[in-house]
Amino acid sequence: MGDVFQHILDALPLVFSLGTIIAMIGGTIIGIAVGALPGLSATMGIAVLIPLTFTMEPVVALGMVAGIYNGAMYGGSIPAILLRIPGTPAGIATVFDGYPMAQSGHAKLALRISLVSSSIGSAVSAIALLSLAPPLSLIALKFSAANYFWLAIFGLMTIAVLLSENPVKGLLSACFGLFVGMIGIDMMTGMERFAFNELELLSGVNIIVLLTGLYAIPPAIDLALSPKKPDAEVKAINEEEMAFRWSSLIPVWIRSSIIGVVTGIIPALGGNVAALFAWNEQRRSDADKDKYGKGAPEGVAAPECANNADTAATLIPALTLGIPGSSVAAVILGALLVHGLIPGPQLFRDKAEITYGFMLAMLVTSGLMLILGSVGARAFVNVLKMPTQLLAPMIFVMATIGVFAIHNSMFEVWLMLGFGVLGYAMEKMDIPTAPAVLAVILGPIAEENLRRALLISGEGVFSLFQDVISLLLVALILATTALPLAMKMWRRRRSRIEAFASRD
């Protein structure tokens, strides 16, 4: 521990040099802008930046990378709250309560909750990276293929069953997502699946295309069919209300930070899964479950804190073991290699000042994000004052540009519009869309690890129940899905008995 403090002290002058501070500020601003634009992501922003950092000092370049990463994770919540468009995949859970808050006149409060929660999550994640990187990375190594399978099933079942008042509709949505997740090339056999001889579908359906279609197009259709007068004023927030809300969010931040950090160190999950897990866990643990999805501040704080607590945590296995836990972690590893930094245990020994400088930059940019986001929030909220006659076509244009920019493909634009019409129909039939999106993310993880576990063991399905982690996850699945279903059935049966008794 003494060596860690010494390395941090040695890195401080590098991080707080003028060039690095400017790079971190610039990176944070760019990151917020990238996250706020639908179709763009932290991965894309960093990938574009890397060639521009060749001539920079390593700590300066990595400081800018840290700013983009943290800024983009928060930036995705801005269109999610104001326009119901997740700017990044991690912003999907923020839509559930953030958009209803904006529609009820509390857009400014929702943006503040998102900003503070994002900053807290990022700071906790950076502290975990600084202090616990090597020991925490060992947790990821203990997860077998069977463990990943059960973890994916746990996420699918809890979201599908608990998110909807009608579990059948939730499971139907999840099945649709599983089908979409199977489109493309089978990674185990190399065979084409459900691509219908379309070259553009061989690589699968991009998650941004699905997100934009299901969440951006339906409200735009609603606005176009039945335009409403804009709310010219956003409700003021008095100091007492703010103090009450902030104090009530402390348990939410603690719980969601833990979920984000633990999810981050497990490869292949990422901030989108962390956000959905945190939102679902917050709703499950709250006595008043009915307020979620209708504008609950806790429903904004939980996913935003969790997806930002994932940011630095996902770098733990990347820096210590060279195992990127997400696509953005893989791109950051590329940035390290460009500057001659080889991931692994030797990185903390041979390049300690630069390594700890990068980790400190993750912590500093979480604070910069709070300052810069506070200034920008005053301007962002004015989007709600626009006439809906202009807002609807603007959403269509932004969604089209964002999706087209991914691969310069008009096919993906038409695919997005198709998902949009489907999402509009699902809304009218009260079928939740969140299980479908989560199934697209977790479905391939579940399938790949199920098949890998069966191939490795050669013992059939019994190999899925042979370790403590798998048994614990199975127990959690039963507890979080079977029990609520049984309670719903019991309440329904009781109400029928009472209704029958009242007739007599």
Protein backbone atom coordinates (compact mmCIF):
# COMPACT_ATOMS: atom_id res chain seq x y z
CA MET A 1 0.00 0.00 0.00
CA GLY A 2 2.92 2.32 0.71
CA ASP A 3 4.20 1.82 -2.84
CA VAL A 4 0.77 2.74 -4.21
CA PHE A 5 0.75 6.06 -2.30
CA GLN A 6 4.27 6.80 -3.47
CA HIS A 7 3.35 6.14 -7.10
CA ILE A 8 0.30 8.39 -6.75
CA LEU A 9 2.45 11.19 -5.31
CA ASP A 10 4.94 10.79 -8.16
CA ALA A 11 2.13 11.01 -10.73
CA LEU A 12 0.47 14.12 -9.28
CA PRO A 13 2.84 16.64 -10.93
CA LEU A 14 2.24 15.02 -14.32
CA VAL A 15 -1.54 15.07 -13.96
CA PHE A 16 -1.74 18.66 -12.75
CA SER A 17 0.59 20.10 -15.36
CA LEU A 18 -0.95 22.77 -17.61
CA GLY A 19 -0.94 20.59 -20.73
CA THR A 20 -2.66 17.67 -19.02
CA ILE A 21 -5.30 19.90 -17.40
CA ILE A 22 -6.15 21.46 -20.78
CA ALA A 23 -6.30 17.99 -22.34
CA MET A 24 -8.63 16.70 -19.62
CA ILE A 25 -10.95 19.72 -19.91
CA GLY A 26 -11.02 19.44 -23.71
CA GLY A 27 -11.56 15.68 -23.58
CA THR A 28 -14.44 16.02 -21.10
CA ILE A 29 -16.20 18.61 -23.29
CA ILE A 30 -15.71 16.44 -26.38
CA GLY A 31 -16.93 13.40 -24.47
CA ILE A 32 -20.13 15.09 -23.30
CA ALA A 33 -20.82 16.24 -26.88
CA VAL A 34 -20.10 12.77 -28.30
CA GLY A 35 -22.34 11.08 -25.74
CA ALA A 36 -25.16 13.55 -26.37
CA LEU A 37 -25.22 12.80 -30.11
CA PRO A 38 -27.26 9.65 -30.86
CA GLY A 39 -25.24 7.02 -32.70
CA LEU A 40 -21.90 8.10 -31.30
CA SER A 41 -20.18 6.53 -28.29
CA ALA A 42 -17.08 6.77 -26.14
CA THR A 43 -15.52 3.98 -28.20
CA MET A 44 -15.93 5.93 -31.43
CA GLY A 45 -14.73 9.19 -29.87
CA ILE A 46 -11.55 7.64 -28.46
CA ALA A 47 -10.88 5.69 -31.68
CA VAL A 48 -11.00 8.92 -33.69
CA LEU A 49 -8.78 10.67 -31.14
CA ILE A 50 -5.95 8.12 -30.97
CA PRO A 51 -4.20 9.15 -34.24
CA LEU A 52 -4.20 12.76 -32.99
CA THR A 53 -2.29 11.81 -29.83
CA PHE A 54 0.84 10.40 -31.50
CA THR A 55 2.88 13.54 -30.80
CA MET A 56 1.52 14.11 -27.27
CA GLU A 57 3.14 13.09 -24.03
CA PRO A 58 1.57 9.83 -22.75
CA VAL A 59 -0.08 11.36 -19.66
CA VAL A 60 -1.48 14.27 -21.72
CA ALA A 61 -2.93 11.88 -24.31
CA LEU A 62 -4.35 9.52 -21.69
CA GLY A 63 -5.82 12.48 -19.77
CA MET A 64 -7.79 13.42 -22.88
CA VAL A 65 -8.86 9.78 -23.29
CA ALA A 66 -10.09 9.74 -19.66
CA GLY A 67 -12.09 12.92 -20.23
CA ILE A 68 -13.77 11.57 -23.35
CA TYR A 69 -14.60 8.29 -21.63
CA ASN A 70 -16.18 9.83 -18.53
CA GLY A 71 -17.83 12.68 -20.44
CA ALA A 72 -19.45 10.39 -23.01
CA MET A 73 -20.95 8.14 -20.34
CA TYR A 74 -22.70 11.14 -18.77
CA GLY A 75 -23.50 12.80 -22.11
CA GLY A 76 -25.67 9.87 -23.15
CA SER A 77 -28.17 10.79 -20.44
CA ILE A 78 -28.88 14.25 -21.91
CA PRO A 79 -30.92 13.17 -24.96
CA ALA A 80 -32.25 10.21 -22.94
CA ILE A 81 -33.84 12.61 -20.45
CA LEU A 82 -34.89 15.38 -22.81
CA LEU A 83 -35.80 13.53 -26.01
CA ARG A 84 -36.09 9.87 -24.96
CA ILE A 85 -33.14 9.03 -27.19
CA PRO A 86 -30.34 7.12 -25.42
CA GLY A 87 -27.21 8.93 -26.59
CA THR A 88 -25.18 5.79 -25.76
CA PRO A 89 -26.26 2.18 -25.07
CA ALA A 90 -25.59 2.81 -21.37
CA GLY A 91 -28.27 5.53 -21.39
CA ILE A 92 -31.20 3.20 -22.06
CA ALA A 93 -32.16 2.71 -18.39
CA THR A 94 -32.03 6.47 -17.82
CA VAL A 95 -34.92 6.84 -20.27
CA PHE A 96 -37.30 4.92 -18.00
CA ASP A 97 -37.60 7.67 -15.39
CA GLY A 98 -35.60 10.55 -16.85
CA TYR A 99 -37.96 11.22 -19.75
CA PRO A 100 -41.12 11.14 -17.58
CA MET A 101 -39.42 13.60 -15.22
CA ALA A 102 -38.72 15.94 -18.12
CA GLN A 103 -42.30 15.64 -19.36
CA SER A 104 -43.62 16.55 -15.91
CA GLY A 105 -41.53 19.73 -15.84
CA HIS A 106 -38.57 18.43 -13.82
CA ALA A 107 -36.03 18.24 -16.65
CA LYS A 108 -33.53 20.45 -14.84
CA LEU A 109 -33.70 18.28 -11.72
CA ALA A 110 -33.35 15.10 -13.79
CA LEU A 111 -30.24 16.49 -15.51
CA ARG A 112 -28.76 17.51 -12.14
CA ILE A 113 -29.42 14.08 -10.65
CA SER A 114 -27.87 12.44 -13.69
CA LEU A 115 -24.81 14.70 -13.52
CA VAL A 116 -24.16 14.28 -9.79
CA SER A 117 -24.81 10.53 -9.94
CA SER A 118 -22.49 10.16 -12.93
CA SER A 119 -19.72 12.09 -11.17
CA ILE A 120 -20.07 10.03 -7.98
CA GLY A 121 -20.06 6.77 -9.93
CA SER A 122 -16.99 7.81 -11.92
CA ALA A 123 -15.14 8.89 -8.77
CA VAL A 124 -15.92 5.61 -6.96
CA SER A 125 -14.82 3.65 -10.02
CA ALA A 126 -11.55 5.58 -10.28
CA ILE A 127 -10.83 5.03 -6.57
CA ALA A 128 -11.47 1.30 -7.03
CA LEU A 129 -9.08 1.30 -9.99
CA LEU A 130 -6.40 3.13 -8.02
CA SER A 131 -6.57 1.04 -4.87
CA LEU A 132 -7.96 -2.36 -5.77
CA ALA A 133 -6.92 -3.10 -9.34
CA PRO A 134 -4.83 -6.25 -8.87
CA PRO A 135 -7.01 -8.04 -6.26
CA LEU A 136 -10.29 -7.12 -7.96
CA SER A 137 -9.06 -8.38 -11.31
CA LEU A 138 -8.80 -11.87 -9.79
CA ILE A 139 -12.61 -11.95 -9.40
CA ALA A 140 -13.00 -11.83 -13.17
CA LEU A 141 -10.70 -14.83 -13.56
CA LYS A 142 -12.92 -16.96 -11.31
CA PHE A 143 -15.89 -16.70 -13.68
CA SER A 144 -16.20 -19.78 -15.87
CA ALA A 145 -18.28 -20.14 -19.05
CA ALA A 146 -21.11 -21.65 -16.99
CA ASN A 147 -21.01 -18.67 -14.60
CA TYR A 148 -21.32 -16.22 -17.49
CA PHE A 149 -24.29 -18.18 -18.83
CA TRP A 150 -26.17 -18.02 -15.52
CA LEU A 151 -25.28 -14.35 -15.07
CA ALA A 152 -26.77 -13.55 -18.48
CA ILE A 153 -29.91 -15.59 -17.69
CA PHE A 154 -30.21 -13.78 -14.35
CA GLY A 155 -30.22 -10.41 -16.11
CA LEU A 156 -32.69 -11.54 -18.75
CA MET A 157 -35.18 -13.13 -16.36
CA THR A 158 -35.22 -10.36 -13.77
CA ILE A 159 -35.71 -7.60 -16.33
CA ALA A 160 -38.29 -9.51 -18.38
CA VAL A 161 -40.39 -10.61 -15.40
CA LEU A 162 -40.09 -7.65 -13.04
CA LEU A 163 -40.13 -4.79 -15.53
CA SER A 164 -43.61 -5.47 -16.84
CA GLU A 165 -46.91 -5.71 -15.05
CA ASN A 166 -47.59 -8.62 -17.39
CA PRO A 167 -44.64 -11.08 -17.23
CA VAL A 168 -45.83 -12.79 -20.42
CA LYS A 169 -45.39 -9.54 -22.35
CA GLY A 170 -41.96 -9.05 -20.79
CA LEU A 171 -40.88 -12.54 -21.82
CA LEU A 172 -42.31 -11.97 -25.31
CA SER A 173 -40.19 -8.84 -25.64
CA ALA A 174 -37.12 -10.74 -24.41
CA CYS A 175 -37.73 -13.50 -26.98
CA PHE A 176 -37.84 -10.89 -29.74
CA GLY A 177 -34.51 -9.53 -28.50
CA LEU A 178 -33.01 -13.03 -28.43
CA PHE A 179 -34.00 -13.49 -32.06
CA VAL A 180 -32.43 -10.17 -33.08
CA GLY A 181 -29.28 -11.10 -31.14
CA MET A 182 -28.94 -14.32 -33.15
CA ILE A 183 -28.88 -12.54 -36.51
CA GLY A 184 -25.52 -12.73 -38.27
CA ILE A 185 -22.64 -15.22 -38.24
CA ASP A 186 -22.62 -18.00 -35.65
CA MET A 187 -19.36 -17.34 -33.77
CA MET A 188 -18.94 -21.03 -32.92
CA THR A 189 -19.54 -22.57 -36.36
CA GLY A 190 -19.19 -19.65 -38.81
CA MET A 191 -22.61 -20.39 -40.30
CA GLU A 192 -25.02 -17.66 -41.39
CA ARG A 193 -28.14 -17.26 -39.22
CA PHE A 194 -31.30 -15.29 -40.06
CA ALA A 195 -29.42 -12.91 -42.36
CA PHE A 196 -31.78 -13.65 -45.28
CA ASN A 197 -28.91 -13.30 -47.76
CA GLU A 198 -28.43 -9.65 -46.79
CA LEU A 199 -24.74 -8.77 -46.63
CA GLU A 200 -25.41 -5.96 -44.14
CA LEU A 201 -26.87 -8.42 -41.63
CA LEU A 202 -23.90 -10.81 -41.57
CA SER A 203 -22.26 -8.81 -38.79
CA GLY A 204 -25.51 -8.71 -36.81
CA VAL A 205 -27.77 -5.83 -35.81
CA ASN A 206 -25.88 -2.92 -34.30
CA ILE A 207 -27.16 -2.11 -30.82
CA ILE A 208 -27.27 1.63 -31.64
CA VAL A 209 -29.63 0.92 -34.57
CA LEU A 210 -31.96 -1.04 -32.31
CA LEU A 211 -31.82 1.51 -29.47
CA THR A 212 -32.47 4.46 -31.74
CA GLY A 213 -35.33 2.69 -33.47
CA LEU A 214 -37.11 1.51 -30.33
CA TYR A 215 -36.60 4.66 -28.25
CA ALA A 216 -36.21 7.65 -30.57
CA ILE A 217 -38.71 6.97 -33.35
CA PRO A 218 -41.90 6.15 -31.34
CA PRO A 219 -42.03 9.50 -29.49
CA ALA A 220 -41.26 11.30 -32.76
CA ILE A 221 -44.21 9.49 -34.36
CA ASP A 222 -46.39 10.51 -31.41
CA LEU A 223 -45.31 14.15 -31.77
CA ALA A 224 -45.94 14.09 -35.52
CA LEU A 225 -49.41 12.53 -35.20
CA SER A 226 -50.60 14.60 -32.24
CA PRO A 227 -48.42 17.70 -31.77
CA LYS A 228 -48.59 19.26 -28.33
CA LYS A 229 -47.88 22.75 -27.17
CA PRO A 230 -44.43 23.00 -25.63
CA ASP A 231 -44.06 23.64 -21.93
CA ALA A 232 -42.62 27.15 -21.90
CA GLU A 233 -41.52 26.89 -18.33
CA VAL A 234 -39.58 24.30 -16.43
CA LYS A 235 -40.73 23.97 -12.83
CA ALA A 236 -38.49 25.66 -10.33
CA ILE A 237 -36.75 23.57 -7.70
CA ASN A 238 -36.59 25.11 -4.28
CA GLU A 239 -33.74 24.46 -1.90
CA GLU A 240 -35.80 22.29 0.47
CA GLU A 241 -36.90 20.00 -2.33
CA MET A 242 -33.34 19.68 -3.61
CA ALA A 243 -31.94 18.91 -0.15
CA PHE A 244 -34.58 16.25 0.44
CA ARG A 245 -33.95 14.60 -2.87
CA TRP A 246 -30.16 14.59 -2.56
CA SER A 247 -30.21 13.04 0.90
CA SER A 248 -32.64 10.34 -0.24
CA LEU A 249 -30.29 9.34 -3.04
CA ILE A 250 -27.31 8.43 -0.82
CA PRO A 251 -28.36 4.75 -0.41
CA VAL A 252 -29.03 4.60 -4.16
CA TRP A 253 -25.53 5.85 -4.96
CA ILE A 254 -23.91 3.35 -2.56
CA ARG A 255 -25.81 0.37 -3.97
CA SER A 256 -25.41 1.40 -7.61
CA SER A 257 -21.69 2.15 -7.24
CA ILE A 258 -21.10 -1.37 -5.95
CA ILE A 259 -23.13 -2.86 -8.81
CA GLY A 260 -21.22 -0.76 -11.35
CA VAL A 261 -17.77 -1.65 -10.02
CA VAL A 262 -18.50 -5.39 -9.75
CA THR A 263 -20.09 -5.44 -13.21
CA GLY A 264 -17.16 -3.50 -14.64
CA ILE A 265 -14.51 -5.99 -13.59
CA ILE A 266 -16.42 -8.86 -15.24
CA PRO A 267 -15.45 -8.87 -18.95
CA ALA A 268 -18.11 -8.60 -21.68
CA LEU A 269 -20.84 -6.93 -19.58
CA GLY A 270 -20.31 -3.16 -19.67
CA GLY A 271 -22.11 -0.02 -18.59
CA ASN A 272 -25.40 -0.81 -20.33
CA VAL A 273 -25.78 -4.03 -18.34
CA ALA A 274 -24.66 -2.30 -15.12
CA ALA A 275 -27.26 0.44 -15.63
CA LEU A 276 -30.10 -2.01 -16.21
CA PHE A 277 -29.05 -4.16 -13.26
CA ALA A 278 -28.89 -1.10 -10.99
CA TRP A 279 -32.27 0.25 -12.12
CA ASN A 280 -33.90 -3.14 -11.67
CA GLU A 281 -32.29 -3.67 -8.25
CA GLN A 282 -33.38 -0.20 -7.11
CA ARG A 283 -36.96 -0.88 -8.17
CA ARG A 284 -36.92 -4.33 -6.57
CA SER A 285 -35.61 -3.04 -3.24
CA ASP A 286 -38.00 -0.07 -3.01
CA ALA A 287 -41.28 -0.50 -1.15
CA ASP A 288 -43.02 1.81 -3.65
CA LYS A 289 -42.34 -0.04 -6.91
CA ASP A 290 -45.16 1.62 -8.83
CA LYS A 291 -43.39 4.99 -9.03
CA TYR A 292 -40.63 3.63 -11.27
CA GLY A 293 -41.07 4.28 -14.96
CA LYS A 294 -43.18 7.33 -14.11
CA GLY A 295 -40.48 9.83 -13.14
CA ALA A 296 -38.80 8.59 -9.95
CA PRO A 297 -35.55 10.48 -9.18
CA GLU A 298 -34.06 7.23 -7.83
CA GLY A 299 -34.72 5.70 -11.25
CA VAL A 300 -32.40 8.27 -12.81
CA ALA A 301 -29.72 8.17 -10.11
CA ALA A 302 -29.30 4.38 -10.05
CA PRO A 303 -28.48 3.69 -13.72
CA GLU A 304 -26.37 6.82 -14.15
CA CYS A 305 -24.29 6.06 -11.06
CA ALA A 306 -23.86 2.42 -12.08
CA ASN A 307 -22.89 2.97 -15.71
CA ASN A 308 -20.27 5.51 -14.67
CA ALA A 309 -19.01 3.30 -11.83
CA ASP A 310 -18.33 0.81 -14.60
CA THR A 311 -15.95 3.11 -16.52
CA ALA A 312 -12.69 2.79 -14.60
CA ALA A 313 -13.64 -0.61 -13.16
CA THR A 314 -13.77 -2.11 -16.65
CA LEU A 315 -10.12 -1.07 -17.03
CA ILE A 316 -9.05 -3.20 -14.04
CA PRO A 317 -8.70 -6.48 -15.98
CA ALA A 318 -7.49 -4.50 -19.01
CA LEU A 319 -4.56 -2.83 -17.24
CA THR A 320 -3.59 -5.66 -14.90
CA LEU A 321 -4.15 -8.69 -17.14
CA GLY A 322 -4.41 -7.27 -20.67
CA ILE A 323 -8.01 -8.53 -20.88
CA PRO A 324 -10.32 -5.77 -22.21
CA GLY A 325 -13.70 -6.05 -20.51
CA SER A 326 -15.51 -3.97 -23.14
CA SER A 327 -15.05 -2.44 -26.58
CA VAL A 328 -14.00 0.90 -25.12
CA ALA A 329 -11.45 -0.85 -22.89
CA ALA A 330 -10.03 -2.53 -26.00
CA VAL A 331 -9.67 0.85 -27.72
CA ILE A 332 -7.98 2.30 -24.62
CA LEU A 333 -5.54 -0.62 -24.66
CA GLY A 334 -4.75 0.42 -28.23
CA ALA A 335 -4.05 3.95 -27.01
CA LEU A 336 -1.68 2.55 -24.36
CA LEU A 337 0.17 0.45 -26.94
CA VAL A 338 0.54 3.46 -29.24
CA HIS A 339 2.50 5.16 -26.45
CA GLY A 340 4.63 2.12 -25.70
CA LEU A 341 2.71 0.92 -22.64
CA ILE A 342 2.28 -2.87 -22.51
CA PRO A 343 -0.73 -3.92 -20.36
CA GLY A 344 -0.01 -6.38 -17.57
CA PRO A 345 1.57 -6.52 -14.12
CA GLN A 346 4.79 -4.99 -15.46
CA LEU A 347 2.87 -1.84 -16.39
CA PHE A 348 2.52 -0.95 -12.69
CA ARG A 349 6.23 -1.55 -12.15
CA ASP A 350 7.98 -0.19 -15.25
CA LYS A 351 5.61 2.70 -16.13
CA ALA A 352 4.15 3.44 -12.71
CA GLU A 353 4.05 7.24 -13.05
CA ILE A 354 2.18 7.12 -16.36
CA THR A 355 -0.13 4.31 -15.24
CA TYR A 356 -1.12 5.99 -12.00
CA GLY A 357 -1.31 9.30 -13.84
CA PHE A 358 -3.93 7.82 -16.15
CA MET A 359 -5.89 6.43 -13.20
CA LEU A 360 -5.72 9.81 -11.45
CA ALA A 361 -6.95 11.45 -14.65
CA MET A 362 -10.04 9.23 -14.48
CA LEU A 363 -10.66 10.62 -10.98
CA VAL A 364 -9.98 14.25 -11.89
CA THR A 365 -12.19 14.17 -14.99
CA SER A 366 -15.10 12.90 -12.87
CA GLY A 367 -14.89 16.23 -11.00
CA LEU A 368 -14.43 18.23 -14.20
CA MET A 369 -17.53 16.56 -15.59
CA LEU A 370 -19.55 17.87 -12.63
CA ILE A 371 -18.36 21.46 -13.23
CA LEU A 372 -18.72 21.47 -17.02
CA GLY A 373 -22.03 19.61 -16.94
CA SER A 374 -23.52 22.10 -14.48
CA VAL A 375 -22.83 24.92 -16.91
CA GLY A 376 -24.21 23.00 -19.89
CA ALA A 377 -27.39 21.81 -18.17
CA ARG A 378 -28.82 25.33 -18.23
CA ALA A 379 -28.60 25.31 -22.02
CA PHE A 380 -29.67 21.67 -22.55
CA VAL A 381 -33.03 22.12 -20.83
CA ASN A 382 -34.11 24.73 -23.42
CA VAL A 383 -34.69 21.88 -25.87
CA LEU A 384 -38.04 21.30 -24.16
CA LYS A 385 -39.19 24.80 -25.09
CA MET A 386 -39.05 24.08 -28.81
CA PRO A 387 -42.35 23.71 -30.71
CA THR A 388 -43.16 20.04 -31.24
CA GLN A 389 -43.72 20.75 -34.93
CA LEU A 390 -39.94 21.34 -35.10
CA LEU A 391 -38.95 18.79 -32.47
CA ALA A 392 -40.42 15.76 -34.26
CA PRO A 393 -38.57 16.25 -37.57
CA MET A 394 -35.40 17.16 -35.65
CA ILE A 395 -35.55 13.83 -33.81
CA PHE A 396 -35.96 12.00 -37.12
CA VAL A 397 -33.03 13.90 -38.64
CA MET A 398 -30.74 13.40 -35.62
CA ALA A 399 -31.58 9.70 -35.46
CA THR A 400 -31.00 9.24 -39.18
CA ILE A 401 -27.66 11.07 -39.16
CA GLY A 402 -26.50 9.22 -36.05
CA VAL A 403 -27.34 5.78 -37.44
CA PHE A 404 -25.98 6.54 -40.91
CA ALA A 405 -22.69 7.72 -39.38
CA ILE A 406 -22.04 4.29 -37.82
CA HIS A 407 -21.23 2.48 -41.09
CA ASN A 408 -22.43 4.97 -43.76
CA SER A 409 -25.23 2.52 -44.48
CA MET A 410 -28.73 3.44 -45.65
CA PHE A 411 -29.74 -0.17 -44.94
CA GLU A 412 -29.22 0.48 -41.22
CA VAL A 413 -31.29 3.66 -41.49
CA TRP A 414 -34.22 1.69 -42.94
CA LEU A 415 -33.67 -1.00 -40.32
CA MET A 416 -33.84 1.67 -37.60
CA LEU A 417 -37.12 2.99 -39.01
CA GLY A 418 -38.49 -0.56 -39.07
CA PHE A 419 -37.57 -1.01 -35.41
CA GLY A 420 -39.17 2.36 -34.76
CA VAL A 421 -42.53 1.28 -36.19
CA LEU A 422 -42.28 -1.97 -34.21
CA GLY A 423 -41.42 -0.03 -31.04
CA TYR A 424 -44.43 2.23 -31.59
CA ALA A 425 -46.68 -0.83 -31.90
CA MET A 426 -45.14 -2.39 -28.76
CA GLU A 427 -45.88 0.80 -26.81
CA LYS A 428 -49.50 0.80 -27.91
CA MET A 429 -49.81 -2.84 -26.77
CA ASP A 430 -48.03 -2.13 -23.44
CA ILE A 431 -45.15 -4.46 -24.30
CA PRO A 432 -41.94 -3.20 -22.63
CA THR A 433 -38.99 -2.65 -24.95
CA ALA A 434 -36.23 -2.84 -22.33
CA PRO A 435 -36.24 -6.70 -22.17
CA ALA A 436 -35.72 -6.79 -25.94
CA VAL A 437 -32.69 -4.51 -25.78
CA LEU A 438 -31.16 -6.38 -22.85
CA ALA A 439 -31.77 -9.70 -24.64
CA VAL A 440 -29.84 -8.45 -27.66
CA ILE A 441 -26.90 -7.69 -25.35
CA LEU A 442 -27.06 -10.73 -23.07
CA GLY A 443 -28.47 -13.30 -25.50
CA PRO A 444 -25.22 -13.85 -27.44
CA ILE A 445 -23.28 -13.92 -24.15
CA ALA A 446 -25.61 -16.62 -22.77
CA GLU A 447 -25.55 -18.67 -25.97
CA GLU A 448 -21.81 -18.54 -26.50
CA ASN A 449 -20.96 -19.45 -22.92
CA LEU A 450 -23.59 -22.19 -22.71
CA ARG A 451 -22.17 -23.89 -25.79
CA ARG A 452 -18.60 -23.37 -24.62
CA ALA A 453 -19.37 -24.80 -21.17
CA LEU A 454 -21.02 -27.89 -22.67
CA LEU A 455 -18.16 -28.44 -25.12
CA ILE A 456 -15.44 -28.05 -22.49
CA SER A 457 -17.03 -30.31 -19.89
CA GLY A 458 -18.54 -32.96 -22.14
CA GLU A 459 -20.86 -33.82 -19.23
CA GLY A 460 -24.10 -32.33 -20.52
CA VAL A 461 -26.28 -29.88 -18.59
CA PHE A 462 -24.99 -31.14 -15.22
CA SER A 463 -21.77 -29.21 -15.85
CA LEU A 464 -23.75 -25.99 -15.41
CA PHE A 465 -24.35 -26.74 -11.72
CA GLN A 466 -20.90 -27.84 -10.55
CA ASP A 467 -19.54 -24.79 -8.74
CA VAL A 468 -20.64 -22.44 -5.98
CA ILE A 469 -20.93 -19.34 -8.18
CA SER A 470 -23.32 -21.11 -10.58
CA LEU A 471 -25.47 -22.43 -7.73
CA LEU A 472 -25.59 -18.96 -6.16
CA LEU A 473 -26.70 -17.40 -9.45
CA VAL A 474 -29.37 -20.07 -9.94
CA ALA A 475 -30.67 -19.34 -6.45
CA LEU A 476 -30.78 -15.61 -7.26
CA ILE A 477 -32.70 -16.31 -10.46
CA LEU A 478 -35.29 -18.35 -8.57
CA ALA A 479 -35.54 -15.80 -5.77
CA THR A 480 -35.96 -12.76 -8.02
CA THR A 481 -38.31 -14.28 -10.59
CA ALA A 482 -40.27 -17.16 -9.07
CA LEU A 483 -41.02 -15.37 -5.80
CA PRO A 484 -42.47 -12.18 -7.37
CA LEU A 485 -44.51 -14.31 -9.77
CA ALA A 486 -45.85 -16.37 -6.88
CA MET A 487 -46.70 -13.20 -4.96
CA LYS A 488 -48.57 -11.76 -7.94
CA MET A 489 -50.53 -14.98 -8.38
CA TRP A 490 -51.32 -15.08 -4.66
CA ARG A 491 -52.53 -11.45 -4.64
CA ARG A 492 -54.64 -12.08 -7.74
CA ARG A 493 -56.17 -15.19 -6.19
CA ARG A 494 -56.83 -13.34 -2.94
CA SER A 495 -58.57 -10.48 -4.76
CA ARG A 496 -60.77 -12.99 -6.57
CA ILE A 497 -61.70 -14.68 -3.29
CA GLU A 498 -62.53 -11.31 -1.73
CA ALA A 499 -64.59 -10.33 -4.76
CA PHE A 500 -66.49 -13.64 -4.61
CA ALA A 501 -67.05 -13.21 -0.84
CA SER A 502 -68.38 -9.68 -1.33
CA ARG A 503 -71.02 -11.00 -3.73
CA ASP A 504 -72.32 -13.37 -1.06
